[in-house]
C-alpha atoms as a PDB file:
ATOM      1  CA  MET A   1       0.953  12.280 -16.363  1.00  0.00           C
ATOM      2  CA  ALA A   2       0.881   8.944 -14.567  1.00  0.00           C
ATOM      3  CA  VAL A   3      -1.584   8.408 -11.697  1.00  0.00           C
ATOM      4  CA  PHE A   4       1.131   6.061  -9.590  1.00  0.00           C
ATOM      5  CA  THR A   5       4.942   6.037  -9.851  1.00  0.00           C
ATOM      6  CA  PRO A   6       7.530   5.012  -7.630  1.00  0.00           C
ATOM      7  CA  GLU A   7       9.423   8.503  -7.815  1.00  0.00           C
ATOM      8  CA  SER A   8       6.414  10.702  -7.165  1.00  0.00           C
ATOM      9  CA  SER A   9       3.956   8.768  -4.940  1.00  0.00           C
ATOM     10  CA  LYS A  10       3.919   9.764  -1.339  1.00  0.00           C
ATOM     11  CA  ILE A  11       3.301   6.000   0.214  1.00  0.00           C
ATOM     12  CA  LYS A  12       4.180   2.676  -0.927  1.00  0.00           C
ATOM     13  CA  MET A  13       2.303  -0.279   0.310  1.00  0.00           C
ATOM     14  CA  VAL A  14       4.229  -3.505   0.248  1.00  0.00           C
ATOM     15  CA  ILE A  15       1.716  -6.629   0.385  1.00  0.00           C
ATOM     16  CA  LEU A  16       3.482  -9.786   1.860  1.00  0.00           C
ATOM     17  CA  THR A  17       1.353 -12.762   0.644  1.00  0.00           C
ATOM     18  CA  LYS A  18       1.103 -16.267   2.069  1.00  0.00           C
ATOM     19  CA  LYS A  19       3.687 -18.908   1.170  1.00  0.00           C
ATOM     20  CA  ASP A  20       4.067 -19.966  -2.367  1.00  0.00           C
ATOM     21  CA  GLU A  21       2.149 -16.526  -3.748  1.00  0.00           C
ATOM     22  CA  SER A  22       3.894 -13.530  -5.148  1.00  0.00           C
ATOM     23  CA  ASN A  23       4.303 -10.436  -3.142  1.00  0.00           C
ATOM     24  CA  ALA A  24       3.070  -7.146  -4.479  1.00  0.00           C
ATOM     25  CA  VAL A  25       3.780  -3.197  -4.329  1.00  0.00           C
ATOM     26  CA  TRP A  26       1.026  -0.537  -4.481  1.00  0.00           C
ATOM     27  CA  TYR A  27       1.917   3.029  -4.795  1.00  0.00           C
ATOM     28  CA  SER A  28      -0.514   6.031  -3.660  1.00  0.00           C
ATOM     29  CA  PRO A  29      -2.081   8.231  -6.228  1.00  0.00           C
ATOM     30  CA  ILE A  30       0.004  11.273  -6.885  1.00  0.00           C
ATOM     31  CA  LYS A  31      -3.000  13.328  -6.660  1.00  0.00           C
ATOM     32  CA  GLN A  32      -3.319  12.408  -2.849  1.00  0.00           C
ATOM     33  CA  ASN A  33       0.265  13.585  -2.027  1.00  0.00           C
ATOM     34  CA  LYS A  34      -0.955  16.516  -0.096  1.00  0.00           C
ATOM     35  CA  ARG A  35      -3.394  14.465   2.116  1.00  0.00           C
ATOM     36  CA  SER A  36      -2.235  13.276   5.548  1.00  0.00           C
ATOM     37  CA  ASN A  37      -0.436   9.887   5.515  1.00  0.00           C
ATOM     38  CA  GLU A  38      -3.375   8.461   7.500  1.00  0.00           C
ATOM     39  CA  SER A  39      -5.924   9.589   4.968  1.00  0.00           C
ATOM     40  CA  ILE A  40      -3.928   7.935   2.058  1.00  0.00           C
ATOM     41  CA  ILE A  41      -3.296   4.777   4.109  1.00  0.00           C
ATOM     42  CA  ARG A  42      -7.050   4.524   4.811  1.00  0.00           C
ATOM     43  CA  SER A  43      -7.995   4.903   1.329  1.00  0.00           C
ATOM     44  CA  MET A  44      -5.257   2.479  -0.033  1.00  0.00           C
ATOM     45  CA  LEU A  45      -6.909  -0.148   2.520  1.00  0.00           C
ATOM     46  CA  ARG A  46     -10.336   0.537   1.251  1.00  0.00           C
ATOM     47  CA  ARG A  47      -9.115  -0.472  -2.375  1.00  0.00           C
ATOM     48  CA  PHE A  48      -6.898  -3.186  -1.147  1.00  0.00           C
ATOM     49  CA  GLU A  49      -9.956  -4.915   0.804  1.00  0.00           C
ATOM     50  CA  LYS A  50     -11.721  -5.303  -2.266  1.00  0.00           C
ATOM     51  CA  HIS A  51      -8.730  -6.735  -4.435  1.00  0.00           C
ATOM     52  CA  ARG A  52      -8.277 -10.523  -4.786  1.00  0.00           C
ATOM     53  CA  LEU A  53      -4.771 -10.264  -2.976  1.00  0.00           C
ATOM     54  CA  ALA A  54      -6.608  -9.441   0.319  1.00  0.00           C
ATOM     55  CA  LYS A  55      -7.577 -13.016   0.700  1.00  0.00           C
ATOM     56  CA  ILE A  56      -3.919 -14.205   0.561  1.00  0.00           C
ATOM     57  CA  THR A  57      -2.256 -11.517   2.464  1.00  0.00           C
ATOM     58  CA  ASN A  58      -0.518 -11.977   5.830  1.00  0.00           C
ATOM     59  CA  VAL A  59       0.911  -8.426   6.338  1.00  0.00           C
ATOM     60  CA  VAL A  60       0.615  -5.094   4.817  1.00  0.00           C
ATOM     61  CA  GLN A  61       3.529  -2.482   5.151  1.00  0.00           C
ATOM     62  CA  PHE A  62       3.246   1.196   4.411  1.00  0.00           C
ATOM     63  CA  TYR A  63       6.593   3.143   3.836  1.00  0.00           C
ATOM     64  CA  GLU A  64       7.269   7.016   3.203  1.00  0.00           C
ATOM     65  CA  ASN A  65      10.516   7.828   1.730  1.00  0.00           C
ATOM     66  CA  GLY A  66      12.041   4.288   2.347  1.00  0.00           C
ATOM     67  CA  ASN A  67      11.033   4.471   6.034  1.00  0.00           C
ATOM     68  CA  LEU A  68       8.357   2.047   7.316  1.00  0.00           C
ATOM     69  CA  ILE A  69       5.659   3.883   9.090  1.00  0.00           C
ATOM     70  CA  VAL A  70       2.855   1.573   9.632  1.00  0.00           C
ATOM     71  CA  THR A  71       2.479  -2.410   9.489  1.00  0.00           C
ATOM     72  CA  LYS A  72      -0.878  -4.153   9.536  1.00  0.00           C
ATOM     73  CA  LYS A  73      -1.173  -7.817   9.958  1.00  0.00           C
ATOM     74  CA  LEU A  74      -4.329  -9.599   8.595  1.00  0.00           C
ATOM     75  CA  LEU A  75      -5.764 -12.670  10.011  1.00  0.00           C
END
């Protein structure tokens, strides 16, 4: 069974990077689907902050079922 899938993951995180960099999309682990959105987002942000993308990101957006639920601007 997959850990992350667009069809089964509860939360989608869209990473909007600085100019001339490729944007990225991450999905929450399926095993976290029963957690609250806030808990899932916190854990995704913890993993993200350790990733190289964190240094080149302007905005992170979180979606549930295609609906924007949180936007976080980074400095």
